[in-house]
Amino acid sequence: MSFVEYGDTIKDGDTAIVFLGHESMFPVKVQHGTVTQTKYGVIRHSTDLIGKKYGSKVTCSKGGWVFILHPTPELWTMNLPHRTQILYSTDISIITMMLELKPGSIVCESGTGSGSLSHALIRTVAPTGHLYTVEFHQQRAEKAREEFREHGVEHLVTVTNQDVCKNGFGVSNIADAVFLDIPSPWEAIGHAKSALKAEGGRICSFSPCIEQVQRTCLAMEEYGFTEINTLEILLRVYNVKTISLQIPDLGKAAEDNSSTGFDSSNASHQASPCTNLQQGTVQFKSGVPLREVVGHTGYLTFATKN
């Protein structure tokens, strides 16, 4: 099993996603002889998972059922264990596009954190690219190495435990892109420039505060970066539902329609699927924004090495 290659059947040692509902799922490491408890009952890995096809509908001990899904970077982002704040698919998608990543690209990242962006970057640059990711915190770096090994992508990523602001990324003049998600990214701009290829490499810095963005932009200008721009992605979700509105009293206009030969019986027949003439209401589908939406996450600053 790998996060960059699809496997047809569930094997011992795989990481799988247990799907209970649209907003209810969790990852599980498949192990022979192990059981997993859910609200629908027990899942026995040896008999219910191993050897079954991904996407299978599995019946639990209480009679309820779940789906077992193949892991992807998108599903991992939604279900990973949080060691730090993470980036979600909305920001990840614009990062991979604006950094102009493709299979074969070399990418430097700091910090690794919970590995949400890391998995998406690895899938994007596979099978011939490579990710060099730097994490300051030793335990988080070790956990990231363990996850990459379990997910079958360790050959595509190098994890380094060091301070990128002091020691850089450990590579020079090879990266097509650099991503920074650290408290003081302006201190790492020089090391980012050294890691990037001779010219044309792209850099992105993620910061939650505009003061961080200002200092980072000044540092980028100082080191000769061009095409500096900052953007913020705000996702607005709409809920499609059926609403009812009262039919308006058109007054004289309705009388004019009847005097011009308007066939009211035919009109009521045509409108019957969506109107209720006795109650004087009409029903139709409408898109309504959610009352609570995810607000500010962070600013993304992009630039190009001149």
Foldseek 3Di string as FASTA:
>chain_A
DAQQDDDFADAQLAWKWKAPDPLDIEIDGQHQPDWDQDPQAIDHRNPFGGGHTQQDWGAHPNGDIIGIHHDYLQVCLSHFDFPDDDDHPQVLVVVCVQQVFAAAFEEEEPACGRPSSVRVNLNRNPDNYAYQHEYQDPVNLVVVCVVCVSNVNNVRYDYHHHDCLPVNRPAFQRGLEYEYEDPQCLSNPVSRLRRHHPWWRKYKYWFADVVSVVSNVVSCVVQPWPPKDKDFDFDWDWDKDKDKDAADDPPPVVVVCVVVPNDVVVVCVVQVVFDDVVVRMGMDIDIHTDPDGDDGDTMMIMTTGD
